[in-house]
Amino acid sequence: MHATALAMKLAGTVTDAAAIRANLDKAMKQLPAAANPNSLDGVDERGGSLADTRVAVIEGGKVKERALREFK
């Protein structure tokens, strides 16, 4: 299940955006690993999604794997 769909279920509405948004953090934390390929961890204090998505970067001429969270 997608985080937004789960937030709608938790909020008990598909039309009240404020209620859905208020449940998004809880929904992200309940996602099963199979439905969470970007490792969504929740929502920060400003409403941004917290994720530990893995990306490739070039460091010292070599490709390395890093988490997006490292690039604040």
PDB file of N, CA and C in Angstrom:
ATOM      1  N   MET A   1       0.850  -1.180   0.000  1.00  0.00           N
ATOM      2  CA  MET A   1       0.000   0.000   0.000  1.00  0.00           C
ATOM      3  C   MET A   1       0.893   1.241   0.000  1.00  0.00           C
ATOM      4  N   HIS A   2       0.525   2.228  -0.732  1.00  0.00           N
ATOM      5  CA  HIS A   2       1.237   3.497  -0.842  1.00  0.00           C
ATOM      6  C   HIS A   2       1.010   4.323   0.427  1.00  0.00           C
ATOM      7  N   ALA A   3       1.980   5.133   0.830  1.00  0.00           N
ATOM      8  CA  ALA A   3       1.877   5.925   2.058  1.00  0.00           C
ATOM      9  C   ALA A   3       0.659   6.838   2.043  1.00  0.00           C
ATOM     10  N   THR A   4       0.381   7.474   0.913  1.00  0.00           N
ATOM     11  CA  THR A   4      -0.765   8.382   0.850  1.00  0.00           C
ATOM     12  C   THR A   4      -2.070   7.623   1.024  1.00  0.00           C
ATOM     13  N   ALA A   5      -2.185   6.462   0.387  1.00  0.00           N
ATOM     14  CA  ALA A   5      -3.395   5.658   0.532  1.00  0.00           C
ATOM     15  C   ALA A   5      -3.574   5.207   1.976  1.00  0.00           C
ATOM     16  N   LEU A   6      -2.480   4.835   2.616  1.00  0.00           N
ATOM     17  CA  LEU A   6      -2.555   4.422   4.015  1.00  0.00           C
ATOM     18  C   LEU A   6      -2.935   5.612   4.898  1.00  0.00           C
ATOM     19  N   ALA A   7      -2.399   6.800   4.605  1.00  0.00           N
ATOM     20  CA  ALA A   7      -2.756   8.003   5.369  1.00  0.00           C
ATOM     21  C   ALA A   7      -4.243   8.310   5.217  1.00  0.00           C
ATOM     22  N   MET A   8      -4.796   8.103   4.020  1.00  0.00           N
ATOM     23  CA  MET A   8      -6.237   8.307   3.798  1.00  0.00           C
ATOM     24  C   MET A   8      -7.041   7.328   4.646  1.00  0.00           C
ATOM     25  N   LYS A   9      -6.587   6.082   4.683  1.00  0.00           N
ATOM     26  CA  LYS A   9      -7.275   5.069   5.479  1.00  0.00           C
ATOM     27  C   LYS A   9      -7.230   5.440   6.956  1.00  0.00           C
ATOM     28  N   LEU A  10      -6.054   5.858   7.440  1.00  0.00           N
ATOM     29  CA  LEU A  10      -5.910   6.242   8.843  1.00  0.00           C
ATOM     30  C   LEU A  10      -6.744   7.482   9.174  1.00  0.00           C
ATOM     31  N   ALA A  11      -6.839   8.422   8.226  1.00  0.00           N
ATOM     32  CA  ALA A  11      -7.604   9.647   8.440  1.00  0.00           C
ATOM     33  C   ALA A  11      -9.106   9.417   8.315  1.00  0.00           C
ATOM     34  N   GLY A  12      -9.477   8.336   7.632  1.00  0.00           N
ATOM     35  CA  GLY A  12     -10.889   8.058   7.425  1.00  0.00           C
ATOM     36  C   GLY A  12     -11.530   8.959   6.391  1.00  0.00           C
ATOM     37  N   THR A  13     -10.716   9.488   5.475  1.00  0.00           N
ATOM     38  CA  THR A  13     -11.222  10.383   4.436  1.00  0.00           C
ATOM     39  C   THR A  13     -10.302  10.344   3.217  1.00  0.00           C
ATOM     40  N   VAL A  14     -10.883  10.605   2.061  1.00  0.00           N
ATOM     41  CA  VAL A  14     -10.081  10.739   0.843  1.00  0.00           C
ATOM     42  C   VAL A  14     -10.161  12.160   0.309  1.00  0.00           C
ATOM     43  N   THR A  15     -10.882  13.032   1.020  1.00  0.00           N
ATOM     44  CA  THR A  15     -11.070  14.404   0.535  1.00  0.00           C
ATOM     45  C   THR A  15     -10.512  15.476   1.462  1.00  0.00           C
ATOM     46  N   ASP A  16     -10.299  15.185   2.725  1.00  0.00           N
ATOM     47  CA  ASP A  16      -9.802  16.175   3.683  1.00  0.00           C
ATOM     48  C   ASP A  16      -8.272  16.146   3.693  1.00  0.00           C
ATOM     49  N   ALA A  17      -7.680  17.036   2.890  1.00  0.00           N
ATOM     50  CA  ALA A  17      -6.226  17.039   2.725  1.00  0.00           C
ATOM     51  C   ALA A  17      -5.488  17.261   4.047  1.00  0.00           C
ATOM     52  N   ALA A  18      -6.018  18.109   4.907  1.00  0.00           N
ATOM     53  CA  ALA A  18      -5.358  18.381   6.193  1.00  0.00           C
ATOM     54  C   ALA A  18      -5.329  17.126   7.067  1.00  0.00           C
ATOM     55  N   ALA A  19      -6.414  16.399   7.094  1.00  0.00           N
ATOM     56  CA  ALA A  19      -6.469  15.169   7.896  1.00  0.00           C
ATOM     57  C   ALA A  19      -5.546  14.099   7.319  1.00  0.00           C
ATOM     58  N   ILE A  20      -5.512  14.017   5.998  1.00  0.00           N
ATOM     59  CA  ILE A  20      -4.621  13.039   5.347  1.00  0.00           C
ATOM     60  C   ILE A  20      -3.176  13.385   5.652  1.00  0.00           C
ATOM     61  N   ARG A  21      -2.825  14.655   5.486  1.00  0.00           N
ATOM     62  CA  ARG A  21      -1.452  15.110   5.752  1.00  0.00           C
ATOM     63  C   ARG A  21      -1.071  14.852   7.211  1.00  0.00           C
ATOM     64  N   ALA A  22      -2.012  15.045   8.121  1.00  0.00           N
ATOM     65  CA  ALA A  22      -1.756  14.834   9.554  1.00  0.00           C
ATOM     66  C   ALA A  22      -1.454  13.369   9.861  1.00  0.00           C
ATOM     67  N   ASN A  23      -1.876  12.461   9.005  1.00  0.00           N
ATOM     68  CA  ASN A  23      -1.649  11.029   9.217  1.00  0.00           C
ATOM     69  C   ASN A  23      -0.514  10.469   8.373  1.00  0.00           C
ATOM     70  N   LEU A  24       0.130  11.308   7.577  1.00  0.00           N
ATOM     71  CA  LEU A  24       1.174  10.823   6.678  1.00  0.00           C
ATOM     72  C   LEU A  24       2.387  10.273   7.424  1.00  0.00           C
ATOM     73  N   ASP A  25       2.805  10.921   8.492  1.00  0.00           N
ATOM     74  CA  ASP A  25       3.956  10.437   9.275  1.00  0.00           C
ATOM     75  C   ASP A  25       3.667   9.039   9.815  1.00  0.00           C
ATOM     76  N   LYS A  26       2.503   8.874  10.408  1.00  0.00           N
ATOM     77  CA  LYS A  26       2.107   7.568  10.953  1.00  0.00           C
ATOM     78  C   LYS A  26       2.047   6.517   9.844  1.00  0.00           C
ATOM     79  N   ALA A  27       1.507   6.921   8.686  1.00  0.00           N
ATOM     80  CA  ALA A  27       1.394   5.987   7.564  1.00  0.00           C
ATOM     81  C   ALA A  27       2.764   5.536   7.080  1.00  0.00           C
ATOM     82  N   MET A  28       3.687   6.478   6.933  1.00  0.00           N
ATOM     83  CA  MET A  28       5.031   6.121   6.470  1.00  0.00           C
ATOM     84  C   MET A  28       5.709   5.152   7.419  1.00  0.00           C
ATOM     85  N   LYS A  29       5.501   5.341   8.695  1.00  0.00           N
ATOM     86  CA  LYS A  29       6.127   4.473   9.689  1.00  0.00           C
ATOM     87  C   LYS A  29       5.519   3.078   9.713  1.00  0.00           C
ATOM     88  N   GLN A  30       4.320   2.915   9.148  1.00  0.00           N
ATOM     89  CA  GLN A  30       3.652   1.615   9.125  1.00  0.00           C
ATOM     90  C   GLN A  30       3.847   0.858   7.814  1.00  0.00           C
ATOM     91  N   LEU A  31       4.472   1.482   6.832  1.00  0.00           N
ATOM     92  CA  LEU A  31       4.650   0.819   5.539  1.00  0.00           C
ATOM     93  C   LEU A  31       5.500  -0.441   5.679  1.00  0.00           C
ATOM     94  N   PRO A  32       5.065  -1.541   5.107  1.00  0.00           N
ATOM     95  CA  PRO A  32       5.912  -2.738   5.106  1.00  0.00           C
ATOM     96  C   PRO A  32       7.090  -2.524   4.162  1.00  0.00           C
ATOM     97  N   ALA A  33       8.194  -3.159   4.422  1.00  0.00           N
ATOM     98  CA  ALA A  33       9.409  -2.981   3.618  1.00  0.00           C
ATOM     99  C   ALA A  33       9.161  -3.212   2.128  1.00  0.00           C
ATOM    100  N   ALA A  34       8.332  -4.165   1.787  1.00  0.00           N
ATOM    101  CA  ALA A  34       8.061  -4.465   0.380  1.00  0.00           C
ATOM    102  C   ALA A  34       7.370  -3.308  -0.336  1.00  0.00           C
ATOM    103  N   ALA A  35       6.682  -2.445   0.408  1.00  0.00           N
ATOM    104  CA  ALA A  35       5.987  -1.303  -0.172  1.00  0.00           C
ATOM    105  C   ALA A  35       6.736   0.000   0.081  1.00  0.00           C
ATOM    106  N   ASN A  36       7.973  -0.096   0.544  1.00  0.00           N
ATOM    107  CA  ASN A  36       8.735   1.090   0.926  1.00  0.00           C
ATOM    108  C   ASN A  36      10.153   1.053   0.347  1.00  0.00           C
ATOM    109  N   PRO A  37      10.287   1.047  -0.981  1.00  0.00           N
ATOM    110  CA  PRO A  37      11.620   0.915  -1.579  1.00  0.00           C
ATOM    111  C   PRO A  37      12.551   2.096  -1.326  1.00  0.00           C
ATOM    112  N   ASN A  38      12.002   3.250  -0.967  1.00  0.00           N
ATOM    113  CA  ASN A  38      12.835   4.424  -0.701  1.00  0.00           C
ATOM    114  C   ASN A  38      13.087   4.639   0.783  1.00  0.00           C
ATOM    115  N   SER A  39      12.756   3.657   1.597  1.00  0.00           N
ATOM    116  CA  SER A  39      12.979   3.716   3.042  1.00  0.00           C
ATOM    117  C   SER A  39      12.409   4.988   3.661  1.00  0.00           C
ATOM    118  N   LEU A  40      11.129   5.266   3.379  1.00  0.00           N
ATOM    119  CA  LEU A  40      10.460   6.416   3.985  1.00  0.00           C
ATOM    120  C   LEU A  40      10.363   6.192   5.480  1.00  0.00           C
ATOM    121  N   ASP A  41      10.816   7.190   6.250  1.00  0.00           N
ATOM    122  CA  ASP A  41      10.844   7.074   7.708  1.00  0.00           C
ATOM    123  C   ASP A  41       9.776   7.911   8.394  1.00  0.00           C
ATOM    124  N   GLY A  42       9.151   8.818   7.672  1.00  0.00           N
ATOM    125  CA  GLY A  42       8.156   9.691   8.280  1.00  0.00           C
ATOM    126  C   GLY A  42       8.220  11.080   7.678  1.00  0.00           C
ATOM    127  N   VAL A  43       7.703  12.039   8.445  1.00  0.00           N
ATOM    128  CA  VAL A  43       7.624  13.433   8.011  1.00  0.00           C
ATOM    129  C   VAL A  43       8.340  14.289   9.046  1.00  0.00           C
ATOM    130  N   ASP A  44       9.153  15.241   8.589  1.00  0.00           N
ATOM    131  CA  ASP A  44       9.860  16.117   9.531  1.00  0.00           C
ATOM    132  C   ASP A  44       8.958  17.254  10.011  1.00  0.00           C
ATOM    133  N   GLU A  45       9.483  18.114  10.875  1.00  0.00           N
ATOM    134  CA  GLU A  45       8.705  19.188  11.488  1.00  0.00           C
ATOM    135  C   GLU A  45       8.197  20.221  10.475  1.00  0.00           C
ATOM    136  N   ARG A  46       8.791  20.257   9.287  1.00  0.00           N
ATOM    137  CA  ARG A  46       8.346  21.194   8.248  1.00  0.00           C
ATOM    138  C   ARG A  46       7.447  20.523   7.217  1.00  0.00           C
ATOM    139  N   GLY A  47       7.150  19.252   7.416  1.00  0.00           N
ATOM    140  CA  GLY A  47       6.269  18.534   6.509  1.00  0.00           C
ATOM    141  C   GLY A  47       6.977  17.809   5.387  1.00  0.00           C
ATOM    142  N   GLY A  48       8.303  17.822   5.405  1.00  0.00           N
ATOM    143  CA  GLY A  48       9.071  17.139   4.366  1.00  0.00           C
ATOM    144  C   GLY A  48       9.190  15.650   4.650  1.00  0.00           C
ATOM    145  N   SER A  49       9.250  14.872   3.600  1.00  0.00           N
ATOM    146  CA  SER A  49       9.389  13.427   3.745  1.00  0.00           C
ATOM    147  C   SER A  49      10.800  13.062   4.188  1.00  0.00           C
ATOM    148  N   LEU A  50      10.897  12.173   5.137  1.00  0.00           N
ATOM    149  CA  LEU A  50      12.182  11.651   5.593  1.00  0.00           C
ATOM    150  C   LEU A  50      12.400  10.315   4.898  1.00  0.00           C
ATOM    151  N   ALA A  51      13.466  10.233   4.133  1.00  0.00           N
ATOM    152  CA  ALA A  51      13.752   8.999   3.407  1.00  0.00           C
ATOM    153  C   ALA A  51      15.251   8.748   3.411  1.00  0.00           C
ATOM    154  N   ASP A  52      15.607   7.508   3.267  1.00  0.00           N
ATOM    155  CA  ASP A  52      17.011   7.131   3.215  1.00  0.00           C
ATOM    156  C   ASP A  52      17.312   6.518   1.844  1.00  0.00           C
ATOM    157  N   THR A  53      16.785   7.162   0.802  1.00  0.00           N
ATOM    158  CA  THR A  53      16.964   6.682  -0.561  1.00  0.00           C
ATOM    159  C   THR A  53      18.446   6.608  -0.901  1.00  0.00           C
ATOM    160  N   ARG A  54      18.834   5.539  -1.540  1.00  0.00           N
ATOM    161  CA  ARG A  54      20.234   5.334  -1.915  1.00  0.00           C
ATOM    162  C   ARG A  54      20.472   5.873  -3.314  1.00  0.00           C
ATOM    163  N   VAL A  55      21.579   6.570  -3.506  1.00  0.00           N
ATOM    164  CA  VAL A  55      21.962   7.117  -4.804  1.00  0.00           C
ATOM    165  C   VAL A  55      23.430   6.818  -5.052  1.00  0.00           C
ATOM    166  N   ALA A  56      23.838   6.966  -6.306  1.00  0.00           N
ATOM    167  CA  ALA A  56      25.250   6.793  -6.657  1.00  0.00           C
ATOM    168  C   ALA A  56      25.886   8.162  -6.831  1.00  0.00           C
ATOM    169  N   VAL A  57      27.089   8.323  -6.325  1.00  0.00           N
ATOM    170  CA  VAL A  57      27.861   9.553  -6.482  1.00  0.00           C
ATOM    171  C   VAL A  57      29.274   9.184  -6.926  1.00  0.00           C
ATOM    172  N   ILE A  58      29.944  10.151  -7.502  1.00  0.00           N
ATOM    173  CA  ILE A  58      31.343   9.949  -7.877  1.00  0.00           C
ATOM    174  C   ILE A  58      32.198  10.674  -6.854  1.00  0.00           C
ATOM    175  N   GLU A  59      33.061   9.951  -6.182  1.00  0.00           N
ATOM    176  CA  GLU A  59      33.980  10.525  -5.193  1.00  0.00           C
ATOM    177  C   GLU A  59      35.376  10.006  -5.496  1.00  0.00           C
ATOM    178  N   GLY A  60      36.280  10.916  -5.740  1.00  0.00           N
ATOM    179  CA  GLY A  60      37.652  10.508  -6.044  1.00  0.00           C
ATOM    180  C   GLY A  60      37.735   9.641  -7.290  1.00  0.00           C
ATOM    181  N   GLY A  61      36.836   9.877  -8.260  1.00  0.00           N
ATOM    182  CA  GLY A  61      36.847   9.114  -9.496  1.00  0.00           C
ATOM    183  C   GLY A  61      36.217   7.739  -9.397  1.00  0.00           C
ATOM    184  N   LYS A  62      35.603   7.422  -8.251  1.00  0.00           N
ATOM    185  CA  LYS A  62      34.964   6.116  -8.064  1.00  0.00           C
ATOM    186  C   LYS A  62      33.481   6.297  -7.749  1.00  0.00           C
ATOM    187  N   VAL A  63      32.688   5.367  -8.243  1.00  0.00           N
ATOM    188  CA  VAL A  63      31.255   5.375  -7.951  1.00  0.00           C
ATOM    189  C   VAL A  63      31.044   4.803  -6.557  1.00  0.00           C
ATOM    190  N   LYS A  64      30.304   5.563  -5.733  1.00  0.00           N
ATOM    191  CA  LYS A  64      30.015   5.109  -4.378  1.00  0.00           C
ATOM    192  C   LYS A  64      28.532   5.278  -4.098  1.00  0.00           C
ATOM    193  N   GLU A  65      28.008   4.424  -3.258  1.00  0.00           N
ATOM    194  CA  GLU A  65      26.614   4.502  -2.847  1.00  0.00           C
ATOM    195  C   GLU A  65      26.511   5.381  -1.606  1.00  0.00           C
ATOM    196  N   ARG A  66      25.536   6.310  -1.623  1.00  0.00           N
ATOM    197  CA  ARG A  66      25.312   7.199  -0.474  1.00  0.00           C
ATOM    198  C   ARG A  66      23.814   7.328  -0.253  1.00  0.00           C
ATOM    199  N   ALA A  67      23.430   7.723   0.928  1.00  0.00           N
ATOM    200  CA  ALA A  67      22.028   7.993   1.242  1.00  0.00           C
ATOM    201  C   ALA A  67      21.738   9.470   0.980  1.00  0.00           C
ATOM    202  N   LEU A  68      20.595   9.751   0.396  1.00  0.00           N
ATOM    203  CA  LEU A  68      20.231  11.149   0.147  1.00  0.00           C
ATOM    204  C   LEU A  68      20.249  11.977   1.412  1.00  0.00           C
ATOM    205  N   ARG A  69      19.915  11.358   2.533  1.00  0.00           N
ATOM    206  CA  ARG A  69      19.877  12.079   3.809  1.00  0.00           C
ATOM    207  C   ARG A  69      21.243  12.703   4.156  1.00  0.00           C
ATOM    208  N   GLU A  70      22.314  12.169   3.587  1.00  0.00           N
ATOM    209  CA  GLU A  70      23.652  12.702   3.853  1.00  0.00           C
ATOM    210  C   GLU A  70      23.893  14.057   3.189  1.00  0.00           C
ATOM    211  N   PHE A  71      23.029  14.458   2.255  1.00  0.00           N
ATOM    212  CA  PHE A  71      23.243  15.682   1.475  1.00  0.00           C
ATOM    213  C   PHE A  71      22.380  16.830   1.967  1.00  0.00           C
ATOM    214  N   LYS A  72      22.364  17.115   3.222  1.00  0.00           N
ATOM    215  CA  LYS A  72      21.525  18.200   3.769  1.00  0.00           C
ATOM    216  C   LYS A  72      22.092  19.545   3.433  1.00  0.00           C
TER     217      LYS A  72
END
